[in-house]
C-alpha atoms as a PDB file:
ATOM      1  CA  MET A   1      26.217   3.278 -26.024  1.00  0.00           C
ATOM      2  CA  LYS A   2      24.408   5.626 -24.426  1.00  0.00           C
ATOM      3  CA  ILE A   3      21.613   4.342 -21.341  1.00  0.00           C
ATOM      4  CA  ILE A   4      19.085   6.430 -19.455  1.00  0.00           C
ATOM      5  CA  ARG A   5      17.951   5.042 -16.277  1.00  0.00           C
ATOM      6  CA  THR A   6      14.478   5.941 -14.603  1.00  0.00           C
ATOM      7  CA  TYR A   7      13.142   6.007 -11.957  1.00  0.00           C
ATOM      8  CA  ALA A   8      10.162   4.341  -9.817  1.00  0.00           C
ATOM      9  CA  THR A   9       7.585   7.200  -8.179  1.00  0.00           C
ATOM     10  CA  SER A  10       4.886   7.156  -6.123  1.00  0.00           C
ATOM     11  CA  ALA A  11       2.261   9.471  -6.514  1.00  0.00           C
ATOM     12  CA  ASN A  12      -1.111  10.538  -4.554  1.00  0.00           C
ATOM     13  CA  LEU A  13       0.802  10.355  -1.144  1.00  0.00           C
ATOM     14  CA  GLY A  14      -2.223  10.536   1.102  1.00  0.00           C
ATOM     15  CA  PRO A  15      -4.306  13.399   0.917  1.00  0.00           C
ATOM     16  CA  GLY A  16      -1.731  14.914  -2.494  1.00  0.00           C
ATOM     17  CA  PHE A  17      -4.846  13.038  -4.593  1.00  0.00           C
ATOM     18  CA  ASP A  18      -3.339  13.476  -8.757  1.00  0.00           C
ATOM     19  CA  CYS A  19      -0.950  16.519  -7.207  1.00  0.00           C
ATOM     20  CA  PHE A  20       2.103  15.246  -4.750  1.00  0.00           C
ATOM     21  CA  GLY A  21       4.130  12.281  -6.325  1.00  0.00           C
ATOM     22  CA  ILE A  22       8.359  11.190  -4.989  1.00  0.00           C
ATOM     23  CA  CYS A  23      10.760   9.701  -6.652  1.00  0.00           C
ATOM     24  CA  LEU A  24      12.400   6.501  -5.775  1.00  0.00           C
ATOM     25  CA  ASN A  25      15.155   4.543  -6.224  1.00  0.00           C
ATOM     26  CA  LEU A  26      14.287   1.647  -7.473  1.00  0.00           C
ATOM     27  CA  TYR A  27      15.037   2.213 -11.327  1.00  0.00           C
ATOM     28  CA  ASN A  28      15.389   0.997 -14.617  1.00  0.00           C
ATOM     29  CA  GLU A  29      17.551   0.867 -17.434  1.00  0.00           C
ATOM     30  CA  TYR A  30      17.704   0.923 -21.452  1.00  0.00           C
ATOM     31  CA  SER A  31      20.211   1.070 -23.753  1.00  0.00           C
ATOM     32  CA  PHE A  32      18.940   3.328 -27.248  1.00  0.00           C
ATOM     33  CA  GLU A  33      21.564   3.553 -30.758  1.00  0.00           C
ATOM     34  CA  LYS A  34      20.529   4.961 -33.926  1.00  0.00           C
ATOM     35  CA  SER A  35      19.686   1.981 -36.215  1.00  0.00           C
ATOM     36  CA  ASP A  36      18.029   1.394 -39.871  1.00  0.00           C
ATOM     37  CA  ASP A  37      15.107  -0.582 -38.250  1.00  0.00           C
ATOM     38  CA  TYR A  38      13.451  -0.966 -34.891  1.00  0.00           C
ATOM     39  CA  GLU A  39      14.929  -3.458 -32.722  1.00  0.00           C
ATOM     40  CA  ILE A  40      13.593  -4.284 -29.616  1.00  0.00           C
ATOM     41  CA  LYS A  41      15.845  -6.704 -27.651  1.00  0.00           C
ATOM     42  CA  GLU A  42      15.263  -8.100 -23.738  1.00  0.00           C
ATOM     43  CA  PHE A  43      11.921  -7.064 -23.665  1.00  0.00           C
ATOM     44  CA  ASN A  44       8.640  -8.763 -22.331  1.00  0.00           C
ATOM     45  CA  GLU A  45       7.620 -10.367 -25.839  1.00  0.00           C
ATOM     46  CA  LYS A  46       3.902  -8.055 -26.105  1.00  0.00           C
ATOM     47  CA  PHE A  47       6.316  -5.211 -26.202  1.00  0.00           C
ATOM     48  CA  CYS A  48       8.895  -6.405 -28.606  1.00  0.00           C
ATOM     49  CA  ASN A  49       6.504  -4.703 -31.670  1.00  0.00           C
ATOM     50  CA  PRO A  50       7.261  -1.083 -31.722  1.00  0.00           C
ATOM     51  CA  THR A  51       3.326  -0.010 -31.885  1.00  0.00           C
ATOM     52  CA  ASN A  52       2.645  -2.085 -28.488  1.00  0.00           C
ATOM     53  CA  ASN A  53       5.608  -0.409 -26.584  1.00  0.00           C
ATOM     54  CA  LEU A  54       5.123   2.901 -24.784  1.00  0.00           C
ATOM     55  CA  ILE A  55       8.604   4.027 -25.086  1.00  0.00           C
ATOM     56  CA  ILE A  56       8.223   3.768 -28.782  1.00  0.00           C
ATOM     57  CA  LYS A  57       4.948   5.268 -29.194  1.00  0.00           C
ATOM     58  CA  SER A  58       6.443   8.062 -26.749  1.00  0.00           C
ATOM     59  CA  TYR A  59       9.538   8.589 -29.096  1.00  0.00           C
ATOM     60  CA  GLU A  60       7.660   8.735 -31.853  1.00  0.00           C
ATOM     61  CA  GLU A  61       5.561  11.548 -30.326  1.00  0.00           C
ATOM     62  CA  VAL A  62       7.917  14.131 -30.007  1.00  0.00           C
ATOM     63  CA  PHE A  63       9.058  13.348 -33.935  1.00  0.00           C
ATOM     64  CA  LYS A  64       5.554  14.391 -35.065  1.00  0.00           C
ATOM     65  CA  LEU A  65       5.133  17.002 -32.287  1.00  0.00           C
ATOM     66  CA  LEU A  66       8.390  18.583 -33.926  1.00  0.00           C
ATOM     67  CA  ASN A  67       7.566  17.987 -37.461  1.00  0.00           C
ATOM     68  CA  LYS A  68      10.811  15.808 -37.541  1.00  0.00           C
ATOM     69  CA  ASN A  69      11.231  12.305 -39.718  1.00  0.00           C
ATOM     70  CA  ILE A  70      11.190   9.070 -37.249  1.00  0.00           C
ATOM     71  CA  ILE A  71      14.725   8.022 -36.729  1.00  0.00           C
ATOM     72  CA  PRO A  72      14.156   3.931 -36.073  1.00  0.00           C
ATOM     73  CA  ILE A  73      16.320   3.107 -33.412  1.00  0.00           C
ATOM     74  CA  LYS A  74      17.866  -0.733 -31.511  1.00  0.00           C
ATOM     75  CA  LEU A  75      16.203  -0.308 -27.897  1.00  0.00           C
ATOM     76  CA  THR A  76      17.793  -2.580 -25.123  1.00  0.00           C
ATOM     77  CA  GLU A  77      15.736  -3.656 -21.948  1.00  0.00           C
ATOM     78  CA  LEU A  78      19.085  -3.598 -19.166  1.00  0.00           C
ATOM     79  CA  VAL A  79      17.219  -3.398 -16.218  1.00  0.00           C
ATOM     80  CA  HIS A  80      13.810  -4.112 -15.149  1.00  0.00           C
ATOM     81  CA  ASN A  81      12.877  -3.083 -11.390  1.00  0.00           C
ATOM     82  CA  ILE A  82       9.850  -0.981 -12.024  1.00  0.00           C
ATOM     83  CA  PRO A  83       6.741  -3.889 -11.949  1.00  0.00           C
ATOM     84  CA  SER A  84       3.831  -3.228 -14.472  1.00  0.00           C
ATOM     85  CA  SER A  85       0.035  -2.256 -12.584  1.00  0.00           C
ATOM     86  CA  ARG A  86       1.415  -1.403  -9.110  1.00  0.00           C
ATOM     87  CA  GLY A  87       1.059   2.278  -8.683  1.00  0.00           C
ATOM     88  CA  LEU A  88       5.031   3.171  -9.436  1.00  0.00           C
ATOM     89  CA  GLY A  89       5.048   4.836 -12.225  1.00  0.00           C
ATOM     90  CA  SER A  90       5.740   2.437 -14.491  1.00  0.00           C
ATOM     91  CA  SER A  91       3.412   4.140 -17.835  1.00  0.00           C
ATOM     92  CA  ALA A  92       5.276   6.967 -16.557  1.00  0.00           C
ATOM     93  CA  SER A  93       8.996   5.635 -16.538  1.00  0.00           C
ATOM     94  CA  CYS A  94       8.612   4.593 -20.379  1.00  0.00           C
ATOM     95  CA  ILE A  95       6.943   7.849 -21.586  1.00  0.00           C
ATOM     96  CA  VAL A  96       9.659  10.256 -20.023  1.00  0.00           C
ATOM     97  CA  SER A  97      11.882   6.968 -21.199  1.00  0.00           C
ATOM     98  CA  GLY A  98      10.570   7.413 -24.836  1.00  0.00           C
ATOM     99  CA  VAL A  99      10.541  11.500 -24.396  1.00  0.00           C
ATOM    100  CA  MET A 100      13.475  11.570 -23.272  1.00  0.00           C
ATOM    101  CA  ILE A 101      15.456   9.498 -25.974  1.00  0.00           C
ATOM    102  CA  ALA A 102      14.039  11.350 -28.317  1.00  0.00           C
ATOM    103  CA  ASN A 103      15.307  14.715 -27.571  1.00  0.00           C
ATOM    104  CA  ASP A 104      19.124  13.467 -27.342  1.00  0.00           C
ATOM    105  CA  ILE A 105      18.579  11.153 -30.595  1.00  0.00           C
ATOM    106  CA  LEU A 106      17.472  15.037 -32.070  1.00  0.00           C
ATOM    107  CA  GLY A 107      20.407  16.861 -30.597  1.00  0.00           C
ATOM    108  CA  ASN A 108      18.610  17.985 -27.221  1.00  0.00           C
ATOM    109  CA  VAL A 109      16.314  20.041 -28.876  1.00  0.00           C
ATOM    110  CA  LEU A 110      14.149  20.606 -26.308  1.00  0.00           C
ATOM    111  CA  SER A 111      14.495  21.639 -22.557  1.00  0.00           C
ATOM    112  CA  VAL A 112      14.214  20.517 -19.482  1.00  0.00           C
ATOM    113  CA  ASP A 113      10.292  21.844 -19.056  1.00  0.00           C
ATOM    114  CA  GLU A 114       9.407  21.440 -22.594  1.00  0.00           C
ATOM    115  CA  VAL A 115      10.318  17.596 -21.610  1.00  0.00           C
ATOM    116  CA  PHE A 116       7.946  17.870 -18.828  1.00  0.00           C
ATOM    117  CA  GLN A 117       5.002  19.354 -20.869  1.00  0.00           C
ATOM    118  CA  ILE A 118       5.358  16.795 -23.810  1.00  0.00           C
ATOM    119  CA  ALA A 119       5.636  13.657 -20.813  1.00  0.00           C
ATOM    120  CA  SER A 120       3.183  15.120 -18.937  1.00  0.00           C
ATOM    121  CA  SER A 121       0.711  15.408 -21.838  1.00  0.00           C
ATOM    122  CA  ILE A 122       1.350  11.994 -23.414  1.00  0.00           C
ATOM    123  CA  GLU A 123       0.797  10.540 -19.440  1.00  0.00           C
ATOM    124  CA  GLY A 124      -2.718  12.542 -19.269  1.00  0.00           C
ATOM    125  CA  HIS A 125      -1.316  13.815 -16.105  1.00  0.00           C
ATOM    126  CA  PRO A 126       2.227  15.342 -14.154  1.00  0.00           C
ATOM    127  CA  ASP A 127       1.649  13.719 -10.938  1.00  0.00           C
ATOM    128  CA  ASN A 128       4.400  11.055 -11.393  1.00  0.00           C
ATOM    129  CA  VAL A 129       6.346  12.562 -14.354  1.00  0.00           C
ATOM    130  CA  ALA A 130       7.254  15.202 -12.540  1.00  0.00           C
ATOM    131  CA  PRO A 131       9.306  13.854  -9.642  1.00  0.00           C
ATOM    132  CA  LEU A 132      11.004  11.330 -12.433  1.00  0.00           C
ATOM    133  CA  ILE A 133      12.026  14.176 -14.303  1.00  0.00           C
ATOM    134  CA  PHE A 134      12.965  16.747 -11.361  1.00  0.00           C
ATOM    135  CA  GLY A 135      13.667  14.110  -8.867  1.00  0.00           C
ATOM    136  CA  GLY A 136      12.603  13.898  -5.023  1.00  0.00           C
ATOM    137  CA  LEU A 137       9.193  15.316  -4.047  1.00  0.00           C
ATOM    138  CA  THR A 138       7.296  17.088  -6.056  1.00  0.00           C
ATOM    139  CA  CYS A 139       3.665  19.122  -6.425  1.00  0.00           C
ATOM    140  CA  SER A 140       1.970  19.488  -9.941  1.00  0.00           C
ATOM    141  CA  PHE A 141      -0.514  20.663 -11.351  1.00  0.00           C
ATOM    142  CA  LYS A 142      -1.937  22.368 -14.503  1.00  0.00           C
ATOM    143  CA  ASN A 143      -2.798  25.724 -15.701  1.00  0.00           C
ATOM    144  CA  GLU A 144      -3.179  25.545 -19.356  1.00  0.00           C
ATOM    145  CA  VAL A 145       0.298  24.442 -19.148  1.00  0.00           C
ATOM    146  CA  PHE A 146       1.862  21.505 -16.480  1.00  0.00           C
ATOM    147  CA  HIS A 147       3.792  23.419 -13.363  1.00  0.00           C
ATOM    148  CA  THR A 148       5.067  21.964 -10.949  1.00  0.00           C
ATOM    149  CA  ILE A 149       6.613  23.025  -7.721  1.00  0.00           C
ATOM    150  CA  LYS A 150       9.896  20.637  -5.757  1.00  0.00           C
ATOM    151  CA  PHE A 151      10.227  20.556  -2.348  1.00  0.00           C
ATOM    152  CA  ASN A 152      12.813  19.239   0.106  1.00  0.00           C
ATOM    153  CA  CYS A 153      12.622  15.962   1.746  1.00  0.00           C
ATOM    154  CA  ASP A 154      13.995  15.161   4.869  1.00  0.00           C
ATOM    155  CA  GLU A 155      16.834  12.840   4.488  1.00  0.00           C
ATOM    156  CA  ASN A 156      16.009  10.632   7.392  1.00  0.00           C
ATOM    157  CA  PHE A 157      12.370   8.770   6.527  1.00  0.00           C
ATOM    158  CA  LYS A 158      12.324   5.826   4.882  1.00  0.00           C
ATOM    159  CA  PHE A 159       9.997   4.721   1.904  1.00  0.00           C
ATOM    160  CA  THR A 160       9.363   1.071   2.274  1.00  0.00           C
ATOM    161  CA  VAL A 161       7.489  -0.372  -0.898  1.00  0.00           C
ATOM    162  CA  CYS A 162       4.799  -3.033  -0.769  1.00  0.00           C
ATOM    163  CA  ILE A 163       4.826  -4.406  -3.593  1.00  0.00           C
ATOM    164  CA  PRO A 164       2.098  -7.406  -3.977  1.00  0.00           C
ATOM    165  CA  SER A 165       2.092 -10.203  -6.381  1.00  0.00           C
ATOM    166  CA  PHE A 166      -1.071  -9.086  -8.319  1.00  0.00           C
ATOM    167  CA  GLU A 167      -1.847  -6.342 -10.146  1.00  0.00           C
ATOM    168  CA  LEU A 168      -4.457  -3.984 -10.131  1.00  0.00           C
ATOM    169  CA  LYS A 169      -4.860  -1.977 -13.677  1.00  0.00           C
ATOM    170  CA  THR A 170      -5.445   2.091 -13.340  1.00  0.00           C
ATOM    171  CA  SER A 171      -9.064   2.368 -15.147  1.00  0.00           C
ATOM    172  CA  VAL A 172     -10.208  -0.352 -11.947  1.00  0.00           C
ATOM    173  CA  ALA A 173      -8.762   1.421  -9.406  1.00  0.00           C
ATOM    174  CA  ARG A 174     -10.046   4.909 -11.053  1.00  0.00           C
ATOM    175  CA  SER A 175     -13.702   3.163 -11.747  1.00  0.00           C
ATOM    176  CA  VAL A 176     -14.543   2.885  -8.062  1.00  0.00           C
ATOM    177  CA  LEU A 177     -13.699   6.361  -7.424  1.00  0.00           C
ATOM    178  CA  PRO A 178     -17.102   8.737  -6.345  1.00  0.00           C
ATOM    179  CA  LYS A 179     -18.234  11.193  -9.204  1.00  0.00           C
ATOM    180  CA  SER A 180     -18.520  14.163  -6.585  1.00  0.00           C
ATOM    181  CA  ILE A 181     -17.465  14.599  -3.341  1.00  0.00           C
ATOM    182  CA  SER A 182     -18.770  16.742  -0.573  1.00  0.00           C
ATOM    183  CA  MET A 183     -16.918  20.386   0.523  1.00  0.00           C
ATOM    184  CA  ALA A 184     -16.165  18.775   3.406  1.00  0.00           C
ATOM    185  CA  ASP A 185     -14.298  15.785   2.169  1.00  0.00           C
ATOM    186  CA  ALA A 186     -12.410  18.587  -0.032  1.00  0.00           C
ATOM    187  CA  VAL A 187     -11.603  20.986   2.558  1.00  0.00           C
ATOM    188  CA  SER A 188     -10.013  18.090   4.740  1.00  0.00           C
ATOM    189  CA  ASN A 189      -8.115  17.234   1.993  1.00  0.00           C
ATOM    190  CA  ILE A 190      -6.610  20.673   1.370  1.00  0.00           C
ATOM    191  CA  SER A 191      -5.838  20.897   4.742  1.00  0.00           C
ATOM    192  CA  HIS A 192      -4.072  17.846   5.260  1.00  0.00           C
ATOM    193  CA  SER A 193      -1.760  17.998   1.870  1.00  0.00           C
ATOM    194  CA  VAL A 194      -0.341  21.567   3.457  1.00  0.00           C
ATOM    195  CA  ALA A 195       0.302  19.668   6.812  1.00  0.00           C
ATOM    196  CA  LEU A 196       1.941  16.621   5.123  1.00  0.00           C
ATOM    197  CA  ILE A 197       4.548  18.417   2.594  1.00  0.00           C
ATOM    198  CA  LYS A 198       5.284  20.399   5.746  1.00  0.00           C
ATOM    199  CA  ALA A 199       5.521  17.261   7.667  1.00  0.00           C
ATOM    200  CA  LEU A 200       8.139  15.605   5.165  1.00  0.00           C
ATOM    201  CA  GLU A 201      10.265  18.791   4.679  1.00  0.00           C
ATOM    202  CA  THR A 202      10.726  19.129   8.220  1.00  0.00           C
ATOM    203  CA  GLY A 203      11.151  15.625   9.572  1.00  0.00           C
ATOM    204  CA  ASP A 204       7.978  15.771  11.590  1.00  0.00           C
ATOM    205  CA  MET A 205       6.829  11.812  11.825  1.00  0.00           C
ATOM    206  CA  GLU A 206       4.419  12.892  14.449  1.00  0.00           C
ATOM    207  CA  LEU A 207       2.973  15.273  12.305  1.00  0.00           C
ATOM    208  CA  LEU A 208       3.378  13.284   9.082  1.00  0.00           C
ATOM    209  CA  LYS A 209       0.853  10.816  10.714  1.00  0.00           C
ATOM    210  CA  ILE A 210      -2.178  13.312  11.575  1.00  0.00           C
ATOM    211  CA  ALA A 211      -1.445  14.682   8.206  1.00  0.00           C
ATOM    212  CA  ASN A 212      -1.751  11.255   6.701  1.00  0.00           C
ATOM    213  CA  VAL A 213      -5.563  11.442   6.357  1.00  0.00           C
ATOM    214  CA  ASP A 214      -7.001  10.873   3.068  1.00  0.00           C
ATOM    215  CA  LYS A 215     -10.929  11.239   1.514  1.00  0.00           C
ATOM    216  CA  LEU A 216     -10.707  11.428  -2.253  1.00  0.00           C
ATOM    217  CA  HIS A 217      -9.730   8.065  -3.225  1.00  0.00           C
ATOM    218  CA  GLU A 218      -8.388   6.011  -0.094  1.00  0.00           C
ATOM    219  CA  THR A 219     -11.175   4.398   1.235  1.00  0.00           C
ATOM    220  CA  TYR A 220     -12.696   3.822  -1.930  1.00  0.00           C
ATOM    221  CA  ARG A 221      -9.482   1.612  -3.181  1.00  0.00           C
ATOM    222  CA  LEU A 222      -8.268   0.129   0.067  1.00  0.00           C
ATOM    223  CA  PRO A 223     -10.979  -2.869  -0.544  1.00  0.00           C
ATOM    224  CA  LEU A 224      -8.857  -3.649  -4.173  1.00  0.00           C
ATOM    225  CA  ILE A 225      -5.953  -4.761  -2.083  1.00  0.00           C
ATOM    226  CA  ASN A 226      -5.357  -7.874  -0.080  1.00  0.00           C
ATOM    227  CA  GLU A 227      -3.963  -6.881   2.763  1.00  0.00           C
ATOM    228  CA  SER A 228      -4.482  -4.064   3.312  1.00  0.00           C
ATOM    229  CA  ASN A 229      -5.740  -3.781   6.975  1.00  0.00           C
ATOM    230  CA  TYR A 230      -2.571  -5.545   7.888  1.00  0.00           C
ATOM    231  CA  PHE A 231      -0.216  -2.835   6.787  1.00  0.00           C
ATOM    232  CA  LYS A 232      -2.510   0.028   8.505  1.00  0.00           C
ATOM    233  CA  ASP A 233      -2.594  -1.940  11.361  1.00  0.00           C
ATOM    234  CA  PHE A 234       1.763  -3.046  11.059  1.00  0.00           C
ATOM    235  CA  ALA A 235       2.280   0.890  11.102  1.00  0.00           C
ATOM    236  CA  GLU A 236       0.160   2.120  13.713  1.00  0.00           C
ATOM    237  CA  ASN A 237       2.062   0.405  15.914  1.00  0.00           C
ATOM    238  CA  ASN A 238       5.883   1.006  14.143  1.00  0.00           C
ATOM    239  CA  ASN A 239       5.802   4.667  14.320  1.00  0.00           C
ATOM    240  CA  ALA A 240       5.419   4.618  10.635  1.00  0.00           C
ATOM    241  CA  THR A 241       2.293   5.941   8.433  1.00  0.00           C
ATOM    242  CA  CYS A 242       0.929   3.920   5.466  1.00  0.00           C
ATOM    243  CA  MET A 243      -0.726   5.358   1.981  1.00  0.00           C
ATOM    244  CA  ILE A 244      -1.200   3.714  -1.370  1.00  0.00           C
ATOM    245  CA  SER A 245       0.858   4.125  -3.754  1.00  0.00           C
ATOM    246  CA  GLY A 246      -0.437   5.998  -6.508  1.00  0.00           C
ATOM    247  CA  ALA A 247      -3.740   3.819  -7.576  1.00  0.00           C
ATOM    248  CA  GLY A 248      -2.157   1.185  -6.090  1.00  0.00           C
ATOM    249  CA  PRO A 249      -2.096  -2.429  -5.114  1.00  0.00           C
ATOM    250  CA  THR A 250       1.595  -0.970  -3.419  1.00  0.00           C
ATOM    251  CA  ILE A 251       1.632   0.223  -0.228  1.00  0.00           C
ATOM    252  CA  LEU A 252       4.387   3.045   0.612  1.00  0.00           C
ATOM    253  CA  LEU A 253       5.281   3.152   4.379  1.00  0.00           C
ATOM    254  CA  ILE A 254       7.070   6.025   5.925  1.00  0.00           C
ATOM    255  CA  SER A 255       9.221   5.687   9.018  1.00  0.00           C
ATOM    256  CA  LYS A 256      12.341   6.969  10.467  1.00  0.00           C
ATOM    257  CA  ASP A 257      13.345   3.486  10.871  1.00  0.00           C
ATOM    258  CA  SER A 258      13.772   0.503   9.128  1.00  0.00           C
ATOM    259  CA  LEU A 259      10.833  -1.594   9.380  1.00  0.00           C
ATOM    260  CA  ASN A 260      11.193  -5.852   9.806  1.00  0.00           C
ATOM    261  CA  ILE A 261       7.950  -6.599   7.966  1.00  0.00           C
ATOM    262  CA  SER A 262       7.666  -9.419   5.956  1.00  0.00           C
ATOM    263  CA  LEU A 263       4.359 -10.783   4.263  1.00  0.00           C
ATOM    264  CA  ASN A 264       3.713 -14.054   1.856  1.00  0.00           C
ATOM    265  CA  ASP A 265       3.637 -13.113  -1.948  1.00  0.00           C
ATOM    266  CA  TRP A 266       4.690  -9.484  -1.261  1.00  0.00           C
ATOM    267  CA  GLN A 267       7.763  -8.230  -1.741  1.00  0.00           C
ATOM    268  CA  ILE A 268       9.255  -5.521   0.606  1.00  0.00           C
ATOM    269  CA  ILE A 269      12.411  -3.396  -0.438  1.00  0.00           C
ATOM    270  CA  GLU A 270      13.225  -0.482   1.590  1.00  0.00           C
ATOM    271  CA  GLN A 271      13.753   2.980  -0.471  1.00  0.00           C
ATOM    272  CA  SER A 272      15.061   6.425  -0.334  1.00  0.00           C
ATOM    273  CA  VAL A 273      14.094   9.458  -2.131  1.00  0.00           C
ATOM    274  CA  ASN A 274      16.034  10.201  -5.619  1.00  0.00           C
ATOM    275  CA  ASN A 275      16.434  13.610  -5.901  1.00  0.00           C
ATOM    276  CA  GLN A 276      18.021  13.648  -9.291  1.00  0.00           C
ATOM    277  CA  GLY A 277      15.373  11.964 -11.280  1.00  0.00           C
ATOM    278  CA  ALA A 278      16.143  10.583 -15.032  1.00  0.00           C
ATOM    279  CA  TYR A 279      19.249  10.656 -17.075  1.00  0.00           C
ATOM    280  CA  ILE A 280      21.147   9.782 -19.371  1.00  0.00           C
ATOM    281  CA  TYR A 281      24.818   8.678 -19.644  1.00  0.00           C
ATOM    282  CA  GLU A 282      27.352   6.974 -22.034  1.00  0.00           C
ATOM    283  CA  LYS A 283      29.117   3.523 -20.958  1.00  0.00           C
END
């Protein structure tokens, strides 16, 4: 039996809007094998139909792009830790799973970069896809094709994900963003983004707190997230820094020490960086 393990990712990372991403150790697992007809097992009922399952839709997209006849599979959800619509890359997790499973079924005809290109095209942007495929801390962008740069992240940083009980659709989080921004705000994000990457690489907690200033999305999205002020105050008082994970509503706290934090209706999970990224193994 073959199994794919795919991880949660956190994109944006403060000022790194739509380009920074980091791979965390929270994961989902799915087993797969060739079948005469599609069999989808142990998923939420609404995802048991192939036409509604993003893994299957992404899987089929690979066959279409390569002009191959689609091979049905039996797909079983074994572990489900990445919540949907919470800003932890759940859609990227499904898309990368589908593309990697298709590549495996076809005999690994795609390079890692080709997997990255296809998955990013399906997702529409690479900020979650890149860290999931390559692991670690990445900066991604598109210039005719998708590109990514991987950075080292100091191993002493702790990433605490604070996951609420409510969802926030990416479409809603996108809808509150301004149509245009000022030159000053653009310059602010560029400069702070460079400083943030340097801080994560070197383990400089003080620089990280200074660098974590965003003018493009957090101001508009924080009002959508209940208790966001609580987490910001907590970070200021506990030598940590606070940012929205992806489009939210999950809040990401970065610190050097473990954080003693709890809040009703919020799941608090301390994470470390996963430098491997998604992979397939046999059991």
